[in-house]
Amino acid sequence: MEIERKYLVRKLPEDIDQYEHYEIEQAYLCTSPTLRIRRMGDSYILTVKERVVLEGSSAIHNREEEFKLNAQSYQRLLNKCDSGRVGKTRYRINLHKLMDNDIYKGLVAELDVFHGRHKGLMLVEVEFPNTEAANSFVPPDWFGEDVSEDPCYRNSFLASMS
């Protein structure tokens, strides 16, 4: 089970390029359940996601399975996608190291800086070990509004806008 929260980004952390980062292209075959294909460098993945709603939690809960693809299979599936593509640079930021605060121990922020039609949009997600940790999370000051429950910030919706 994937448990995460998603935020807009108020401002980028300093020296952003010092963090591990890579380019992502993704598209969607369908959205219920979500069937996503993703290219990260020369790695290709098919992901099946299904949202699970838990009462009393603003976190996103998903059942998720990933399957490796080769470049040829990725291209075949990409040609079958009705919606557009999403392109972004993803930065992986160790929050404990950046903030030097034990409340962030073990938490990684995945900061997405979008390209193309969505240029200027920046979202950050944090995955949690359990619902309690997600519900009690205090975001750093560079995080903006919590958009975990807003469907307009789902990548599948953004792809449909391309």
C-alpha atoms as a PDB file:
ATOM      1  CA  MET A   1       0.000   0.000   0.000  1.00  0.00           C
ATOM      2  CA  GLU A   2       1.344   3.413  -0.994  1.00  0.00           C
ATOM      3  CA  ILE A   3       0.468   6.216   1.458  1.00  0.00           C
ATOM      4  CA  GLU A   4       1.396   9.726   0.397  1.00  0.00           C
ATOM      5  CA  ARG A   5       0.512  13.409   0.549  1.00  0.00           C
ATOM      6  CA  LYS A   6       0.919  15.886  -2.288  1.00  0.00           C
ATOM      7  CA  TYR A   7       1.618  19.621  -2.072  1.00  0.00           C
ATOM      8  CA  LEU A   8       2.135  22.588  -4.325  1.00  0.00           C
ATOM      9  CA  VAL A   9       5.616  24.073  -3.976  1.00  0.00           C
ATOM     10  CA  ARG A  10       5.980  27.560  -2.510  1.00  0.00           C
ATOM     11  CA  LYS A  11       9.677  27.854  -3.395  1.00  0.00           C
ATOM     12  CA  LEU A  12      12.427  25.503  -4.495  1.00  0.00           C
ATOM     13  CA  PRO A  13      15.044  24.397  -1.978  1.00  0.00           C
ATOM     14  CA  GLU A  14      18.426  26.077  -2.486  1.00  0.00           C
ATOM     15  CA  ASP A  15      20.907  24.419  -4.854  1.00  0.00           C
ATOM     16  CA  ILE A  16      18.198  22.130  -6.251  1.00  0.00           C
ATOM     17  CA  ASP A  17      20.542  20.515  -8.784  1.00  0.00           C
ATOM     18  CA  GLN A  18      22.665  18.988  -6.007  1.00  0.00           C
ATOM     19  CA  TYR A  19      19.892  16.435  -5.408  1.00  0.00           C
ATOM     20  CA  GLU A  20      19.468  13.209  -7.337  1.00  0.00           C
ATOM     21  CA  HIS A  21      17.206  13.944 -10.289  1.00  0.00           C
ATOM     22  CA  TYR A  22      16.051  12.440 -13.549  1.00  0.00           C
ATOM     23  CA  GLU A  23      13.682  13.070 -16.435  1.00  0.00           C
ATOM     24  CA  ILE A  24      10.318  11.307 -16.547  1.00  0.00           C
ATOM     25  CA  GLU A  25       7.841  10.870 -19.381  1.00  0.00           C
ATOM     26  CA  GLN A  26       4.550   9.182 -18.595  1.00  0.00           C
ATOM     27  CA  ALA A  27       1.181   8.520 -20.202  1.00  0.00           C
ATOM     28  CA  TYR A  28      -2.026   6.740 -19.241  1.00  0.00           C
ATOM     29  CA  LEU A  29      -3.871   3.845 -20.860  1.00  0.00           C
ATOM     30  CA  CYS A  30      -6.839   4.284 -18.493  1.00  0.00           C
ATOM     31  CA  THR A  31      -7.619   5.898 -15.150  1.00  0.00           C
ATOM     32  CA  SER A  32      -9.952   3.472 -13.332  1.00  0.00           C
ATOM     33  CA  PRO A  33      -7.919   1.577 -12.338  1.00  0.00           C
ATOM     34  CA  THR A  34      -4.944   3.665 -13.341  1.00  0.00           C
ATOM     35  CA  LEU A  35      -2.701   2.052 -15.942  1.00  0.00           C
ATOM     36  CA  ARG A  36       0.366   4.218 -16.370  1.00  0.00           C
ATOM     37  CA  ILE A  37       3.473   3.782 -18.479  1.00  0.00           C
ATOM     38  CA  ARG A  38       6.618   5.647 -17.518  1.00  0.00           C
ATOM     39  CA  ARG A  39      10.066   6.172 -18.979  1.00  0.00           C
ATOM     40  CA  MET A  40      12.873   7.225 -16.628  1.00  0.00           C
ATOM     41  CA  GLY A  41      16.093   7.424 -18.604  1.00  0.00           C
ATOM     42  CA  ASP A  42      16.413   3.989 -20.183  1.00  0.00           C
ATOM     43  CA  SER A  43      14.099   2.334 -17.664  1.00  0.00           C
ATOM     44  CA  TYR A  44      10.467   1.570 -18.618  1.00  0.00           C
ATOM     45  CA  ILE A  45       7.650   0.673 -16.222  1.00  0.00           C
ATOM     46  CA  LEU A  46       3.968  -0.238 -16.412  1.00  0.00           C
ATOM     47  CA  THR A  47       2.157   0.671 -13.192  1.00  0.00           C
ATOM     48  CA  VAL A  48      -1.291  -0.454 -12.060  1.00  0.00           C
ATOM     49  CA  LYS A  49      -2.771   1.746  -9.324  1.00  0.00           C
ATOM     50  CA  GLU A  50      -6.083   1.625  -7.540  1.00  0.00           C
ATOM     51  CA  ARG A  51      -7.109   4.306  -5.061  1.00  0.00           C
ATOM     52  CA  VAL A  52      -8.303   3.175  -1.636  1.00  0.00           C
ATOM     53  CA  VAL A  53     -10.374   5.612   0.427  1.00  0.00           C
ATOM     54  CA  LEU A  54      -9.781   5.516   4.184  1.00  0.00           C
ATOM     55  CA  GLU A  55     -12.061   7.515   6.458  1.00  0.00           C
ATOM     56  CA  GLY A  56     -10.355  10.129   8.596  1.00  0.00           C
ATOM     57  CA  SER A  57      -7.265  10.514   6.437  1.00  0.00           C
ATOM     58  CA  SER A  58      -6.365  13.231   3.953  1.00  0.00           C
ATOM     59  CA  ALA A  59      -3.487  11.114   2.641  1.00  0.00           C
ATOM     60  CA  ILE A  60      -3.631   9.332  -0.690  1.00  0.00           C
ATOM     61  CA  HIS A  61      -3.801   5.539  -0.331  1.00  0.00           C
ATOM     62  CA  ASN A  62      -3.115   3.402  -3.405  1.00  0.00           C
ATOM     63  CA  ARG A  63      -2.643  -0.251  -4.121  1.00  0.00           C
ATOM     64  CA  GLU A  64       0.214  -0.257  -6.600  1.00  0.00           C
ATOM     65  CA  GLU A  65       2.017  -2.854  -8.695  1.00  0.00           C
ATOM     66  CA  GLU A  66       4.859  -2.200 -11.118  1.00  0.00           C
ATOM     67  CA  PHE A  67       6.067  -4.258 -14.060  1.00  0.00           C
ATOM     68  CA  LYS A  68       9.252  -3.704 -16.055  1.00  0.00           C
ATOM     69  CA  LEU A  69       8.922  -3.081 -19.783  1.00  0.00           C
ATOM     70  CA  ASN A  70      11.448  -2.902 -22.588  1.00  0.00           C
ATOM     71  CA  ALA A  71      11.691   0.121 -24.914  1.00  0.00           C
ATOM     72  CA  GLN A  72       9.731  -1.583 -27.704  1.00  0.00           C
ATOM     73  CA  SER A  73       6.822  -2.531 -25.415  1.00  0.00           C
ATOM     74  CA  TYR A  74       6.800   0.971 -23.936  1.00  0.00           C
ATOM     75  CA  GLN A  75       6.559   2.509 -27.422  1.00  0.00           C
ATOM     76  CA  ARG A  76       3.724   0.154 -28.427  1.00  0.00           C
ATOM     77  CA  LEU A  77       1.756   1.055 -25.311  1.00  0.00           C
ATOM     78  CA  LEU A  78       2.540   4.753 -25.717  1.00  0.00           C
ATOM     79  CA  ASN A  79       0.951   4.634 -29.176  1.00  0.00           C
ATOM     80  CA  LYS A  80      -2.247   3.272 -27.576  1.00  0.00           C
ATOM     81  CA  CYS A  81      -2.569   6.060 -24.998  1.00  0.00           C
ATOM     82  CA  ASP A  82      -5.525   8.342 -25.711  1.00  0.00           C
ATOM     83  CA  SER A  83      -4.394  11.102 -23.401  1.00  0.00           C
ATOM     84  CA  GLY A  84      -1.330  13.279 -23.728  1.00  0.00           C
ATOM     85  CA  ARG A  85       1.964  12.833 -21.976  1.00  0.00           C
ATOM     86  CA  VAL A  86       3.395  14.373 -18.856  1.00  0.00           C
ATOM     87  CA  GLY A  87       7.052  15.399 -18.827  1.00  0.00           C
ATOM     88  CA  LYS A  88       8.862  16.420 -15.664  1.00  0.00           C
ATOM     89  CA  THR A  89      12.142  16.470 -13.810  1.00  0.00           C
ATOM     90  CA  ARG A  90      11.948  14.615 -10.504  1.00  0.00           C
ATOM     91  CA  TYR A  91      14.238  15.499  -7.593  1.00  0.00           C
ATOM     92  CA  ARG A  92      14.599  13.116  -4.640  1.00  0.00           C
ATOM     93  CA  ILE A  93      15.247  15.101  -1.473  1.00  0.00           C
ATOM     94  CA  ASN A  94      16.016  13.522   1.893  1.00  0.00           C
ATOM     95  CA  LEU A  95      13.950  15.767   4.188  1.00  0.00           C
ATOM     96  CA  HIS A  96      15.841  14.759   7.337  1.00  0.00           C
ATOM     97  CA  LYS A  97      19.143  15.788   5.767  1.00  0.00           C
ATOM     98  CA  LEU A  98      17.786  19.018   4.227  1.00  0.00           C
ATOM     99  CA  MET A  99      15.855  20.216   7.274  1.00  0.00           C
ATOM    100  CA  ASP A 100      18.234  18.799   9.928  1.00  0.00           C
ATOM    101  CA  ASN A 101      15.232  17.861  12.031  1.00  0.00           C
ATOM    102  CA  ASP A 102      14.397  14.408  13.418  1.00  0.00           C
ATOM    103  CA  ILE A 103      10.672  14.797  12.696  1.00  0.00           C
ATOM    104  CA  TYR A 104      11.565  14.196   9.020  1.00  0.00           C
ATOM    105  CA  LYS A 105      13.701  11.117   9.662  1.00  0.00           C
ATOM    106  CA  GLY A 106      13.224   8.520   6.933  1.00  0.00           C
ATOM    107  CA  LEU A 107      11.098  10.811   4.735  1.00  0.00           C
ATOM    108  CA  VAL A 108      11.947  11.596   1.124  1.00  0.00           C
ATOM    109  CA  ALA A 109      10.314  14.377  -0.859  1.00  0.00           C
ATOM    110  CA  GLU A 110       9.821  13.697  -4.547  1.00  0.00           C
ATOM    111  CA  LEU A 111       9.717  17.128  -6.139  1.00  0.00           C
ATOM    112  CA  ASP A 112       8.357  17.250  -9.696  1.00  0.00           C
ATOM    113  CA  VAL A 113       9.090  20.259 -11.920  1.00  0.00           C
ATOM    114  CA  PHE A 114       6.833  19.954 -14.968  1.00  0.00           C
ATOM    115  CA  HIS A 115       7.729  20.712 -18.592  1.00  0.00           C
ATOM    116  CA  GLY A 116       5.746  21.471 -21.737  1.00  0.00           C
ATOM    117  CA  ARG A 117       2.152  22.567 -21.304  1.00  0.00           C
ATOM    118  CA  HIS A 118       2.457  22.405 -17.508  1.00  0.00           C
ATOM    119  CA  LYS A 119       5.703  24.390 -17.321  1.00  0.00           C
ATOM    120  CA  GLY A 120       5.796  26.317 -14.056  1.00  0.00           C
ATOM    121  CA  LEU A 121       3.828  23.700 -12.099  1.00  0.00           C
ATOM    122  CA  MET A 122       5.759  22.171  -9.223  1.00  0.00           C
ATOM    123  CA  LEU A 123       4.396  19.434  -6.970  1.00  0.00           C
ATOM    124  CA  VAL A 124       6.027  17.580  -4.114  1.00  0.00           C
ATOM    125  CA  GLU A 125       4.946  14.209  -2.717  1.00  0.00           C
ATOM    126  CA  VAL A 126       6.019  12.480   0.461  1.00  0.00           C
ATOM    127  CA  GLU A 127       5.412   8.780   1.020  1.00  0.00           C
ATOM    128  CA  PHE A 128       4.774   7.567   4.567  1.00  0.00           C
ATOM    129  CA  PRO A 129       5.170   4.250   6.382  1.00  0.00           C
ATOM    130  CA  ASN A 130       1.603   4.442   7.758  1.00  0.00           C
ATOM    131  CA  THR A 131      -1.558   6.566   7.897  1.00  0.00           C
ATOM    132  CA  GLU A 132      -0.727   8.013  11.320  1.00  0.00           C
ATOM    133  CA  ALA A 133       2.577   9.409  10.043  1.00  0.00           C
ATOM    134  CA  ALA A 134       0.799  10.911   7.016  1.00  0.00           C
ATOM    135  CA  ASN A 135      -1.918  12.505   9.167  1.00  0.00           C
ATOM    136  CA  SER A 136       0.566  14.037  11.634  1.00  0.00           C
ATOM    137  CA  PHE A 137       3.041  15.311   9.015  1.00  0.00           C
ATOM    138  CA  VAL A 138       4.083  18.952   9.372  1.00  0.00           C
ATOM    139  CA  PRO A 139       5.293  20.142   5.965  1.00  0.00           C
ATOM    140  CA  PRO A 140       8.475  22.222   5.669  1.00  0.00           C
ATOM    141  CA  ASP A 141       7.975  25.918   4.888  1.00  0.00           C
ATOM    142  CA  TRP A 142       8.924  25.486   1.204  1.00  0.00           C
ATOM    143  CA  PHE A 143       5.856  23.277   0.722  1.00  0.00           C
ATOM    144  CA  GLY A 144       2.666  25.062  -0.313  1.00  0.00           C
ATOM    145  CA  GLU A 145      -0.989  24.053  -0.190  1.00  0.00           C
ATOM    146  CA  ASP A 146      -1.902  20.398   0.430  1.00  0.00           C
ATOM    147  CA  VAL A 147      -3.558  19.190  -2.797  1.00  0.00           C
ATOM    148  CA  SER A 148      -3.685  15.485  -1.906  1.00  0.00           C
ATOM    149  CA  GLU A 149      -7.447  15.337  -2.393  1.00  0.00           C
ATOM    150  CA  ASP A 150      -7.647  17.616  -5.443  1.00  0.00           C
ATOM    151  CA  PRO A 151      -8.085  15.519  -8.615  1.00  0.00           C
ATOM    152  CA  CYS A 152      -6.812  18.436 -10.742  1.00  0.00           C
ATOM    153  CA  TYR A 153      -3.279  17.691  -9.515  1.00  0.00           C
ATOM    154  CA  ARG A 154      -3.281  13.998 -10.403  1.00  0.00           C
ATOM    155  CA  ASN A 155      -0.808  13.254 -13.164  1.00  0.00           C
ATOM    156  CA  SER A 156      -3.510  11.372 -15.092  1.00  0.00           C
ATOM    157  CA  PHE A 157      -5.630  14.550 -15.134  1.00  0.00           C
ATOM    158  CA  LEU A 158      -2.634  16.667 -16.173  1.00  0.00           C
ATOM    159  CA  ALA A 159      -1.958  14.222 -19.031  1.00  0.00           C
ATOM    160  CA  SER A 160      -5.547  14.615 -20.227  1.00  0.00           C
ATOM    161  CA  MET A 161      -4.960  18.375 -20.431  1.00  0.00           C
ATOM    162  CA  SER A 162      -1.999  17.970 -22.817  1.00  0.00           C
END
